[in-house]
C-alpha atoms as a PDB file:
ATOM      1  CA  MET A   1      93.742  60.006 172.829  1.00  0.00           C
ATOM      2  CA  ASN A   2      91.216  62.297 171.803  1.00  0.00           C
ATOM      3  CA  LEU A   3      88.034  61.095 170.512  1.00  0.00           C
ATOM      4  CA  SER A   4      84.986  62.943 168.901  1.00  0.00           C
ATOM      5  CA  LEU A   5      81.620  62.318 167.523  1.00  0.00           C
ATOM      6  CA  LYS A   6      82.990  62.728 164.086  1.00  0.00           C
ATOM      7  CA  SER A   7      85.187  59.358 164.561  1.00  0.00           C
ATOM      8  CA  PHE A   8      82.187  57.383 164.627  1.00  0.00           C
ATOM      9  CA  LEU A   9      80.413  58.939 161.622  1.00  0.00           C
ATOM     10  CA  PRO A  10      80.645  58.434 157.854  1.00  0.00           C
ATOM     11  CA  PRO A  11      82.842  61.362 156.284  1.00  0.00           C
ATOM     12  CA  LEU A  12      79.728  63.506 155.406  1.00  0.00           C
ATOM     13  CA  ASP A  13      79.836  67.184 155.047  1.00  0.00           C
ATOM     14  CA  LEU A  14      77.750  68.024 157.885  1.00  0.00           C
ATOM     15  CA  GLY A  15      77.970  71.742 157.460  1.00  0.00           C
ATOM     16  CA  TRP A  16      74.769  73.480 158.492  1.00  0.00           C
ATOM     17  CA  ASN A  17      74.262  74.619 154.972  1.00  0.00           C
ATOM     18  CA  HIS A  18      74.252  71.095 153.801  1.00  0.00           C
ATOM     19  CA  VAL A  19      72.417  68.970 156.325  1.00  0.00           C
ATOM     20  CA  ARG A  20      68.833  69.510 154.725  1.00  0.00           C
ATOM     21  CA  ALA A  21      67.600  65.820 154.249  1.00  0.00           C
ATOM     22  CA  ILE A  22      67.208  64.546 150.371  1.00  0.00           C
ATOM     23  CA  CYS A  23      63.569  64.030 151.349  1.00  0.00           C
ATOM     24  CA  ALA A  24      61.530  64.322 147.960  1.00  0.00           C
ATOM     25  CA  MET A  25      59.142  66.662 149.792  1.00  0.00           C
ATOM     26  CA  PRO A  26      60.105  70.127 148.913  1.00  0.00           C
ATOM     27  CA  SER A  27      59.103  71.792 152.575  1.00  0.00           C
ATOM     28  CA  CYS A  28      60.588  68.985 154.648  1.00  0.00           C
ATOM     29  CA  HIS A  29      62.737  70.267 157.565  1.00  0.00           C
ATOM     30  CA  ASN A  30      64.285  67.173 158.707  1.00  0.00           C
ATOM     31  CA  LYS A  31      68.168  66.902 158.728  1.00  0.00           C
ATOM     32  CA  LEU A  32      70.518  64.707 157.120  1.00  0.00           C
ATOM     33  CA  LEU A  33      72.222  64.115 160.503  1.00  0.00           C
ATOM     34  CA  MET A  34      69.824  61.413 161.854  1.00  0.00           C
ATOM     35  CA  ARG A  35      70.421  59.382 158.557  1.00  0.00           C
ATOM     36  CA  ALA A  36      73.983  58.803 159.697  1.00  0.00           C
ATOM     37  CA  VAL A  37      73.305  57.428 162.959  1.00  0.00           C
ATOM     38  CA  PRO A  38      73.202  53.385 162.934  1.00  0.00           C
ATOM     39  CA  GLY A  39      69.343  52.394 163.456  1.00  0.00           C
ATOM     40  CA  ALA A  40      67.874  55.810 162.156  1.00  0.00           C
ATOM     41  CA  ARG A  41      64.843  55.042 159.992  1.00  0.00           C
ATOM     42  CA  THR A  42      65.587  54.221 156.439  1.00  0.00           C
ATOM     43  CA  GLY A  43      62.509  56.354 154.993  1.00  0.00           C
ATOM     44  CA  ILE A  44      60.189  55.343 152.196  1.00  0.00           C
ATOM     45  CA  HIS A  45      60.703  54.929 148.460  1.00  0.00           C
ATOM     46  CA  VAL A  46      57.986  55.492 145.819  1.00  0.00           C
ATOM     47  CA  GLY A  47      59.625  54.900 142.530  1.00  0.00           C
ATOM     48  CA  ASP A  48      62.709  57.102 142.155  1.00  0.00           C
ATOM     49  CA  ALA A  49      61.616  59.430 145.082  1.00  0.00           C
ATOM     50  CA  TRP A  50      62.742  59.140 148.733  1.00  0.00           C
ATOM     51  CA  TYR A  51      60.658  60.473 151.871  1.00  0.00           C
ATOM     52  CA  CYS A  52      62.380  60.655 155.158  1.00  0.00           C
ATOM     53  CA  SER A  53      59.346  59.860 157.194  1.00  0.00           C
ATOM     54  CA  PRO A  54      55.534  58.734 157.175  1.00  0.00           C
ATOM     55  CA  ASP A  55      54.476  62.326 157.380  1.00  0.00           C
ATOM     56  CA  CYS A  56      56.357  63.497 154.559  1.00  0.00           C
ATOM     57  CA  PHE A  57      55.170  60.472 152.606  1.00  0.00           C
ATOM     58  CA  ALA A  58      51.750  61.186 153.401  1.00  0.00           C
ATOM     59  CA  MET A  59      51.612  64.862 152.301  1.00  0.00           C
ATOM     60  CA  GLU A  60      53.385  64.223 149.052  1.00  0.00           C
ATOM     61  CA  SER A  61      51.119  61.411 148.237  1.00  0.00           C
ATOM     62  CA  ARG A  62      48.216  63.682 147.977  1.00  0.00           C
ATOM     63  CA  HIS A  63      49.362  64.716 144.598  1.00  0.00           C
ATOM     64  CA  THR A  64      49.732  61.407 143.382  1.00  0.00           C
ATOM     65  CA  LEU A  65      46.228  60.466 144.551  1.00  0.00           C
ATOM     66  CA  ALA A  66      44.719  63.638 143.040  1.00  0.00           C
ATOM     67  CA  TRP A  67      46.372  62.728 139.699  1.00  0.00           C
ATOM     68  CA  LEU A  68      45.164  59.130 139.523  1.00  0.00           C
ATOM     69  CA  CYS A  69      41.711  60.212 140.815  1.00  0.00           C
ATOM     70  CA  THR A  70      41.091  62.863 138.102  1.00  0.00           C
ATOM     71  CA  ARG A  71      43.201  61.834 135.244  1.00  0.00           C
ATOM     72  CA  THR A  72      41.294  60.732 132.280  1.00  0.00           C
ATOM     73  CA  VAL A  73      41.873  57.347 131.192  1.00  0.00           C
ATOM     74  CA  VAL A  74      41.216  56.405 127.572  1.00  0.00           C
ATOM     75  CA  GLU A  75      41.634  52.691 127.080  1.00  0.00           C
ATOM     76  CA  MET A  76      42.031  51.668 123.619  1.00  0.00           C
ATOM     77  CA  PRO A  77      39.213  49.264 122.703  1.00  0.00           C
ATOM     78  CA  ARG A  78      40.386  45.685 122.850  1.00  0.00           C
ATOM     79  CA  ASN A  79      38.089  43.342 120.980  1.00  0.00           C
ATOM     80  CA  PRO A  80      38.255  39.789 120.217  1.00  0.00           C
ATOM     81  CA  ARG A  81      39.641  38.699 117.185  1.00  0.00           C
ATOM     82  CA  LEU A  82      36.417  37.103 115.931  1.00  0.00           C
ATOM     83  CA  PRO A  83      32.665  36.905 117.298  1.00  0.00           C
ATOM     84  CA  LEU A  84      32.106  34.110 119.735  1.00  0.00           C
ATOM     85  CA  GLY A  85      29.722  32.549 117.411  1.00  0.00           C
ATOM     86  CA  LEU A  86      32.292  32.197 114.798  1.00  0.00           C
ATOM     87  CA  ALA A  87      34.727  31.120 117.153  1.00  0.00           C
ATOM     88  CA  LEU A  88      32.443  28.297 118.126  1.00  0.00           C
ATOM     89  CA  LEU A  89      31.767  27.311 114.681  1.00  0.00           C
ATOM     90  CA  ALA A  90      35.488  27.427 113.879  1.00  0.00           C
ATOM     91  CA  LYS A  91      36.101  24.725 116.547  1.00  0.00           C
ATOM     92  CA  ASP A  92      33.182  22.800 115.400  1.00  0.00           C
ATOM     93  CA  THR A  93      31.426  23.060 118.595  1.00  0.00           C
ATOM     94  CA  ILE A  94      28.237  24.151 117.349  1.00  0.00           C
ATOM     95  CA  SER A  95      26.398  24.094 113.698  1.00  0.00           C
ATOM     96  CA  GLU A  96      25.311  26.687 111.585  1.00  0.00           C
ATOM     97  CA  GLY A  97      21.810  25.903 112.497  1.00  0.00           C
ATOM     98  CA  GLN A  98      22.589  25.833 116.057  1.00  0.00           C
ATOM     99  CA  LEU A  99      24.088  29.319 115.818  1.00  0.00           C
ATOM    100  CA  ARG A 100      21.411  30.880 114.101  1.00  0.00           C
ATOM    101  CA  PHE A 101      18.754  29.543 116.609  1.00  0.00           C
ATOM    102  CA  ALA A 102      20.788  30.750 119.629  1.00  0.00           C
ATOM    103  CA  VAL A 103      21.070  34.165 117.751  1.00  0.00           C
ATOM    104  CA  ALA A 104      17.432  34.727 117.200  1.00  0.00           C
ATOM    105  CA  PHE A 105      16.350  33.244 120.629  1.00  0.00           C
ATOM    106  CA  SER A 106      18.639  35.716 122.359  1.00  0.00           C
ATOM    107  CA  GLU A 107      17.252  38.696 120.432  1.00  0.00           C
ATOM    108  CA  HIS A 108      14.040  37.587 121.192  1.00  0.00           C
ATOM    109  CA  ARG A 109      14.630  37.386 124.749  1.00  0.00           C
ATOM    110  CA  GLY A 110      16.933  40.417 125.004  1.00  0.00           C
ATOM    111  CA  VAL A 111      19.899  38.211 126.494  1.00  0.00           C
ATOM    112  CA  ASN A 112      23.267  37.675 125.392  1.00  0.00           C
ATOM    113  CA  LEU A 113      24.679  34.613 123.214  1.00  0.00           C
ATOM    114  CA  GLU A 114      26.572  33.099 125.987  1.00  0.00           C
ATOM    115  CA  THR A 115      23.516  32.881 128.325  1.00  0.00           C
ATOM    116  CA  THR A 116      21.149  31.194 125.583  1.00  0.00           C
ATOM    117  CA  LEU A 117      23.942  28.640 124.706  1.00  0.00           C
ATOM    118  CA  LEU A 118      24.369  27.683 128.227  1.00  0.00           C
ATOM    119  CA  GLU A 119      20.808  27.578 129.181  1.00  0.00           C
ATOM    120  CA  GLN A 120      19.844  25.516 126.022  1.00  0.00           C
ATOM    121  CA  GLY A 121      22.502  22.928 126.735  1.00  0.00           C
ATOM    122  CA  ILE A 122      24.213  23.718 123.285  1.00  0.00           C
ATOM    123  CA  VAL A 123      27.453  24.256 124.829  1.00  0.00           C
ATOM    124  CA  SER A 124      29.248  23.467 128.072  1.00  0.00           C
ATOM    125  CA  GLU A 125      31.112  26.081 130.162  1.00  0.00           C
ATOM    126  CA  LYS A 126      34.474  24.461 129.076  1.00  0.00           C
ATOM    127  CA  GLN A 127      33.564  24.652 125.641  1.00  0.00           C
ATOM    128  CA  LEU A 128      32.560  28.337 125.976  1.00  0.00           C
ATOM    129  CA  ALA A 129      35.943  29.095 127.817  1.00  0.00           C
ATOM    130  CA  ALA A 130      37.764  27.275 124.867  1.00  0.00           C
ATOM    131  CA  ALA A 131      35.990  29.661 122.303  1.00  0.00           C
ATOM    132  CA  ARG A 132      36.611  32.728 124.296  1.00  0.00           C
ATOM    133  CA  ALA A 133      40.279  31.739 124.529  1.00  0.00           C
ATOM    134  CA  ALA A 134      40.200  31.530 120.810  1.00  0.00           C
ATOM    135  CA  GLN A 135      38.642  34.755 120.307  1.00  0.00           C
ATOM    136  CA  TRP A 136      41.395  36.420 122.499  1.00  0.00           C
ATOM    137  CA  GLY A 137      44.217  34.382 121.349  1.00  0.00           C
ATOM    138  CA  CYS A 138      45.063  33.080 124.774  1.00  0.00           C
ATOM    139  CA  PRO A 139      45.489  29.582 126.065  1.00  0.00           C
ATOM    140  CA  VAL A 140      42.549  27.758 128.092  1.00  0.00           C
ATOM    141  CA  LEU A 141      42.985  25.792 131.328  1.00  0.00           C
ATOM    142  CA  GLY A 142      43.810  22.362 130.495  1.00  0.00           C
ATOM    143  CA  GLN A 143      42.304  19.083 131.651  1.00  0.00           C
ATOM    144  CA  GLU A 144      43.846  19.133 135.024  1.00  0.00           C
ATOM    145  CA  PRO A 145      41.372  21.204 137.615  1.00  0.00           C
ATOM    146  CA  ALA A 146      42.128  24.708 138.742  1.00  0.00           C
ATOM    147  CA  GLY A 147      41.914  23.759 142.471  1.00  0.00           C
ATOM    148  CA  GLN A 148      45.098  24.423 143.478  1.00  0.00           C
ATOM    149  CA  ILE A 149      46.001  26.699 146.567  1.00  0.00           C
ATOM    150  CA  VAL A 150      47.875  29.706 145.416  1.00  0.00           C
ATOM    151  CA  GLU A 151      49.477  31.991 147.944  1.00  0.00           C
ATOM    152  CA  ALA A 152      49.502  35.392 146.393  1.00  0.00           C
ATOM    153  CA  ASP A 153      49.537  39.036 147.708  1.00  0.00           C
ATOM    154  CA  LEU A 154      46.861  40.100 145.283  1.00  0.00           C
ATOM    155  CA  PRO A 155      43.500  42.164 146.383  1.00  0.00           C
ATOM    156  CA  PRO A 156      40.577  39.873 146.205  1.00  0.00           C
ATOM    157  CA  THR A 157      38.409  42.826 145.417  1.00  0.00           C
ATOM    158  CA  LEU A 158      40.052  43.613 142.129  1.00  0.00           C
ATOM    159  CA  LEU A 159      40.221  40.121 141.196  1.00  0.00           C
ATOM    160  CA  ARG A 160      36.505  39.694 141.755  1.00  0.00           C
ATOM    161  CA  ALA A 161      35.548  42.924 139.993  1.00  0.00           C
ATOM    162  CA  CYS A 162      37.505  41.757 136.813  1.00  0.00           C
ATOM    163  CA  SER A 163      36.231  37.853 137.039  1.00  0.00           C
ATOM    164  CA  ALA A 164      40.082  36.671 137.386  1.00  0.00           C
ATOM    165  CA  ALA A 165      41.667  34.183 139.578  1.00  0.00           C
ATOM    166  CA  PRO A 166      45.539  33.727 140.063  1.00  0.00           C
ATOM    167  CA  LEU A 167      46.375  30.034 138.688  1.00  0.00           C
ATOM    168  CA  HIS A 168      50.064  30.110 139.290  1.00  0.00           C
ATOM    169  CA  TYR A 169      52.220  32.365 140.935  1.00  0.00           C
ATOM    170  CA  SER A 170      55.963  32.323 141.514  1.00  0.00           C
ATOM    171  CA  ALA A 171      57.476  35.376 143.297  1.00  0.00           C
ATOM    172  CA  LYS A 172      61.141  33.745 142.436  1.00  0.00           C
ATOM    173  CA  ALA A 173      60.301  33.558 138.855  1.00  0.00           C
ATOM    174  CA  LYS A 174      58.424  36.954 138.932  1.00  0.00           C
ATOM    175  CA  ARG A 175      55.482  35.269 136.736  1.00  0.00           C
ATOM    176  CA  LEU A 176      51.636  35.033 137.339  1.00  0.00           C
ATOM    177  CA  VAL A 177      48.996  33.629 135.429  1.00  0.00           C
ATOM    178  CA  LEU A 178      45.713  35.026 135.827  1.00  0.00           C
ATOM    179  CA  GLY A 179      42.771  32.994 134.555  1.00  0.00           C
ATOM    180  CA  PHE A 180      39.687  35.197 133.215  1.00  0.00           C
ATOM    181  CA  VAL A 181      36.104  34.278 132.775  1.00  0.00           C
ATOM    182  CA  HIS A 182      34.669  36.772 130.368  1.00  0.00           C
ATOM    183  CA  ARG A 183      37.352  38.525 128.713  1.00  0.00           C
ATOM    184  CA  VAL A 184      41.076  39.952 129.311  1.00  0.00           C
ATOM    185  CA  GLU A 185      41.072  42.670 131.401  1.00  0.00           C
ATOM    186  CA  HIS A 186      44.282  44.774 130.266  1.00  0.00           C
ATOM    187  CA  SER A 187      43.989  46.978 132.890  1.00  0.00           C
ATOM    188  CA  LEU A 188      44.303  44.718 135.708  1.00  0.00           C
ATOM    189  CA  LEU A 189      47.296  42.942 133.960  1.00  0.00           C
ATOM    190  CA  GLN A 190      49.069  46.381 133.747  1.00  0.00           C
ATOM    191  CA  SER A 191      48.152  47.050 137.330  1.00  0.00           C
ATOM    192  CA  VAL A 192      49.450  43.872 138.873  1.00  0.00           C
ATOM    193  CA  GLU A 193      52.791  44.426 136.659  1.00  0.00           C
ATOM    194  CA  GLN A 194      53.234  47.839 138.080  1.00  0.00           C
ATOM    195  CA  ILE A 195      52.564  47.036 141.563  1.00  0.00           C
ATOM    196  CA  THR A 196      54.181  43.437 141.948  1.00  0.00           C
ATOM    197  CA  GLY A 197      56.752  43.501 139.300  1.00  0.00           C
ATOM    198  CA  CYS A 198      55.453  40.301 137.857  1.00  0.00           C
ATOM    199  CA  ARG A 199      54.760  39.246 134.605  1.00  0.00           C
ATOM    200  CA  ALA A 200      50.938  38.675 134.552  1.00  0.00           C
ATOM    201  CA  GLU A 201      49.943  36.215 131.555  1.00  0.00           C
ATOM    202  CA  PRO A 202      46.261  35.690 130.716  1.00  0.00           C
ATOM    203  CA  CYS A 203      44.308  32.460 130.123  1.00  0.00           C
ATOM    204  CA  PHE A 204      40.688  31.561 130.292  1.00  0.00           C
ATOM    205  CA  ILE A 205      38.407  29.419 132.777  1.00  0.00           C
ATOM    206  CA  THR A 206      35.238  28.667 133.265  1.00  0.00           C
ATOM    207  CA  PRO A 207      32.868  30.412 136.103  1.00  0.00           C
ATOM    208  CA  SER A 208      32.855  27.348 138.151  1.00  0.00           C
ATOM    209  CA  GLU A 209      36.621  27.126 137.997  1.00  0.00           C
ATOM    210  CA  PHE A 210      36.984  30.777 138.766  1.00  0.00           C
ATOM    211  CA  GLU A 211      34.770  30.438 142.183  1.00  0.00           C
ATOM    212  CA  GLU A 212      36.656  27.291 143.034  1.00  0.00           C
ATOM    213  CA  GLN A 213      40.135  28.983 142.536  1.00  0.00           C
ATOM    214  CA  MET A 214      39.029  32.288 144.483  1.00  0.00           C
ATOM    215  CA  ASP A 215      37.888  29.919 147.439  1.00  0.00           C
ATOM    216  CA  ARG A 216      41.664  28.600 147.429  1.00  0.00           C
ATOM    217  CA  LEU A 217      43.293  31.693 147.183  1.00  0.00           C
ATOM    218  CA  SER A 218      45.403  32.143 150.077  1.00  0.00           C
ATOM    219  CA  PRO A 219      47.241  35.503 151.175  1.00  0.00           C
ATOM    220  CA  VAL A 220      50.954  35.372 151.877  1.00  0.00           C
ATOM    221  CA  ASP A 221      52.294  35.987 155.387  1.00  0.00           C
ATOM    222  CA  GLY A 222      52.084  39.686 156.208  1.00  0.00           C
ATOM    223  CA  TYR A 223      49.836  40.525 153.558  1.00  0.00           C
ATOM    224  CA  ALA A 224      46.437  42.403 153.974  1.00  0.00           C
ATOM    225  CA  GLU A 225      43.979  44.001 151.670  1.00  0.00           C
ATOM    226  CA  ILE A 226      41.969  47.012 153.092  1.00  0.00           C
ATOM    227  CA  VAL A 227      39.266  48.269 150.913  1.00  0.00           C
ATOM    228  CA  ASP A 228      37.896  51.891 151.866  1.00  0.00           C
ATOM    229  CA  ASN A 229      34.519  52.254 150.617  1.00  0.00           C
ATOM    230  CA  ASP A 230      34.141  55.853 151.968  1.00  0.00           C
ATOM    231  CA  PRO A 231      37.734  57.293 151.632  1.00  0.00           C
ATOM    232  CA  GLY A 232      36.729  61.114 151.752  1.00  0.00           C
ATOM    233  CA  THR A 233      38.733  63.701 150.279  1.00  0.00           C
ATOM    234  CA  VAL A 234      42.275  63.319 148.892  1.00  0.00           C
ATOM    235  CA  PRO A 235      43.964  64.568 152.299  1.00  0.00           C
ATOM    236  CA  GLN A 236      41.880  62.116 154.068  1.00  0.00           C
ATOM    237  CA  MET A 237      42.971  59.240 151.676  1.00  0.00           C
ATOM    238  CA  ALA A 238      46.807  60.542 152.187  1.00  0.00           C
ATOM    239  CA  ARG A 239      46.263  60.319 155.937  1.00  0.00           C
ATOM    240  CA  THR A 240      45.173  56.675 155.790  1.00  0.00           C
ATOM    241  CA  LEU A 241      48.151  55.714 153.693  1.00  0.00           C
ATOM    242  CA  GLY A 242      50.460  57.730 156.286  1.00  0.00           C
ATOM    243  CA  ARG A 243      48.811  55.518 159.233  1.00  0.00           C
ATOM    244  CA  PHE A 244      49.529  52.393 157.204  1.00  0.00           C
ATOM    245  CA  ALA A 245      53.224  53.485 156.583  1.00  0.00           C
ATOM    246  CA  VAL A 246      53.508  53.885 160.521  1.00  0.00           C
ATOM    247  CA  GLU A 247      51.412  50.512 161.074  1.00  0.00           C
ATOM    248  CA  TYR A 248      53.524  48.417 158.603  1.00  0.00           C
ATOM    249  CA  SER A 249      57.108  50.213 159.151  1.00  0.00           C
ATOM    250  CA  ALA A 250      56.801  51.352 155.808  1.00  0.00           C
ATOM    251  CA  ARG A 251      60.021  50.865 153.072  1.00  0.00           C
ATOM    252  CA  GLU A 252      58.315  51.405 149.823  1.00  0.00           C
ATOM    253  CA  ALA A 253      55.149  52.283 148.353  1.00  0.00           C
ATOM    254  CA  ARG A 254      53.699  52.059 144.783  1.00  0.00           C
ATOM    255  CA  PHE A 255      50.666  53.352 143.306  1.00  0.00           C
ATOM    256  CA  THR A 256      48.423  52.680 140.218  1.00  0.00           C
ATOM    257  CA  ARG A 257      44.963  52.811 138.887  1.00  0.00           C
ATOM    258  CA  CYS A 258      42.839  49.778 137.902  1.00  0.00           C
ATOM    259  CA  LYS A 259      39.669  50.341 135.960  1.00  0.00           C
ATOM    260  CA  SER A 260      37.428  52.332 138.769  1.00  0.00           C
ATOM    261  CA  TRP A 261      39.772  51.767 141.773  1.00  0.00           C
ATOM    262  CA  VAL A 262      43.005  53.406 143.063  1.00  0.00           C
ATOM    263  CA  TRP A 263      45.399  50.906 144.289  1.00  0.00           C
ATOM    264  CA  ALA A 264      48.169  52.003 146.775  1.00  0.00           C
ATOM    265  CA  ARG A 265      50.492  49.175 148.249  1.00  0.00           C
ATOM    266  CA  ILE A 266      52.748  50.097 151.270  1.00  0.00           C
ATOM    267  CA  SER A 267      55.292  47.513 151.964  1.00  0.00           C
ATOM    268  CA  GLY A 268      57.641  47.294 155.238  1.00  0.00           C
ATOM    269  CA  LYS A 269      59.241  45.445 158.178  1.00  0.00           C
ATOM    270  CA  ARG A 270      55.669  44.431 159.453  1.00  0.00           C
ATOM    271  CA  GLY A 271      54.270  43.302 156.191  1.00  0.00           C
ATOM    272  CA  THR A 272      52.482  44.520 153.200  1.00  0.00           C
ATOM    273  CA  VAL A 273      48.922  46.267 152.832  1.00  0.00           C
ATOM    274  CA  ASP A 274      47.081  47.146 149.654  1.00  0.00           C
ATOM    275  CA  ALA A 275      44.789  50.051 150.317  1.00  0.00           C
ATOM    276  CA  ILE A 276      41.826  49.952 147.640  1.00  0.00           C
ATOM    277  CA  PHE A 277      39.852  53.156 147.082  1.00  0.00           C
ATOM    278  CA  PRO A 278      36.787  53.085 144.912  1.00  0.00           C
ATOM    279  CA  LEU A 279      37.356  56.072 142.481  1.00  0.00           C
ATOM    280  CA  LYS A 280      33.814  57.242 142.030  1.00  0.00           C
ATOM    281  CA  ALA A 281      33.660  57.811 145.837  1.00  0.00           C
ATOM    282  CA  ALA A 282      36.947  60.064 145.515  1.00  0.00           C
ATOM    283  CA  ALA A 283      36.979  61.665 142.165  1.00  0.00           C
ATOM    284  CA  ALA A 284      34.442  64.632 142.891  1.00  0.00           C
ATOM    285  CA  ASN A 285      36.459  65.834 145.945  1.00  0.00           C
ATOM    286  CA  ALA A 286      39.803  65.207 144.125  1.00  0.00           C
ATOM    287  CA  LYS A 287      38.875  67.400 141.112  1.00  0.00           C
ATOM    288  CA  ARG A 288      38.182  70.206 143.180  1.00  0.00           C
ATOM    289  CA  GLU A 289      41.342  69.845 145.122  1.00  0.00           C
ATOM    290  CA  PHE A 290      43.504  69.227 142.088  1.00  0.00           C
ATOM    291  CA  SER A 291      42.994  72.707 140.674  1.00  0.00           C
ATOM    292  CA  SER A 292      44.851  74.175 143.786  1.00  0.00           C
ATOM    293  CA  ALA A 293      47.618  71.235 143.903  1.00  0.00           C
ATOM    294  CA  ILE A 294      50.995  71.787 142.375  1.00  0.00           C
ATOM    295  CA  PRO A 295      51.009  72.240 138.689  1.00  0.00           C
ATOM    296  CA  GLU A 296      53.300  69.812 137.811  1.00  0.00           C
ATOM    297  CA  VAL A 297      52.582  66.689 139.623  1.00  0.00           C
ATOM    298  CA  THR A 298      55.139  63.859 139.398  1.00  0.00           C
ATOM    299  CA  GLU A 299      53.832  60.283 138.435  1.00  0.00           C
ATOM    300  CA  ALA A 300      55.222  58.165 141.510  1.00  0.00           C
ATOM    301  CA  LEU A 301      54.643  54.981 140.024  1.00  0.00           C
ATOM    302  CA  GLY A 302      56.877  51.960 141.007  1.00  0.00           C
END
């Protein structure tokens, strides 16, 4: 019996004109032959795009990073349904006289109304959280304390920047409840949904509950957050992601922008890492480089 290599390979057309890999990087020189060998690398997925190696992924991620750093984000103003003072009045938490006093006192001292209400003992943190919830049309944390340990693969840096703490997380149900202190940060909600695929729901908590819950936030096994406060140029940021792709045996990557941060997630056989790049530190170099990048940049968001 005569056996050949073809006997052990899938029936693919491996002619030399058709062995170019389907890597999304246009200049990739890897071949499709290795894709047919058992145990070969499965590559990295970024949305609908597939990259055959960390090198190709890092090279192409420059365009996504440059686009995220240079694009102008115009967030529609999302103001509360009614002023805080009226929300407190509507809930019979304060009287009209107390509100007039607090407003005048705040204007005289040059502080916000919330500070005066708390310092003068007119309202409690819990009453203030309930009023904010009424402002935004969201629920407020109930009587049960927030102090429950929540395991989540979320970057604490972004959570603290938005004064939001995870109160409930279910990977199976794809549901996340975030407790906000001051206002609902829709940029964080959208970014979390893009990166994790979970439905993010807001509610309101007190500052004390926020600190308690952040102390009880526990990362899931294999998760790490790395904040690069000096990311350098876009190519340097891309090389950083390439190193993470090798270190974590990457299989998937996702990108987004949350307020003044670029958030990139690398997931693989060895765990998940969130790379957080301060936008202000990278934007100046990115704008200069973006003009020389490929004119049409594909938005590679998962």
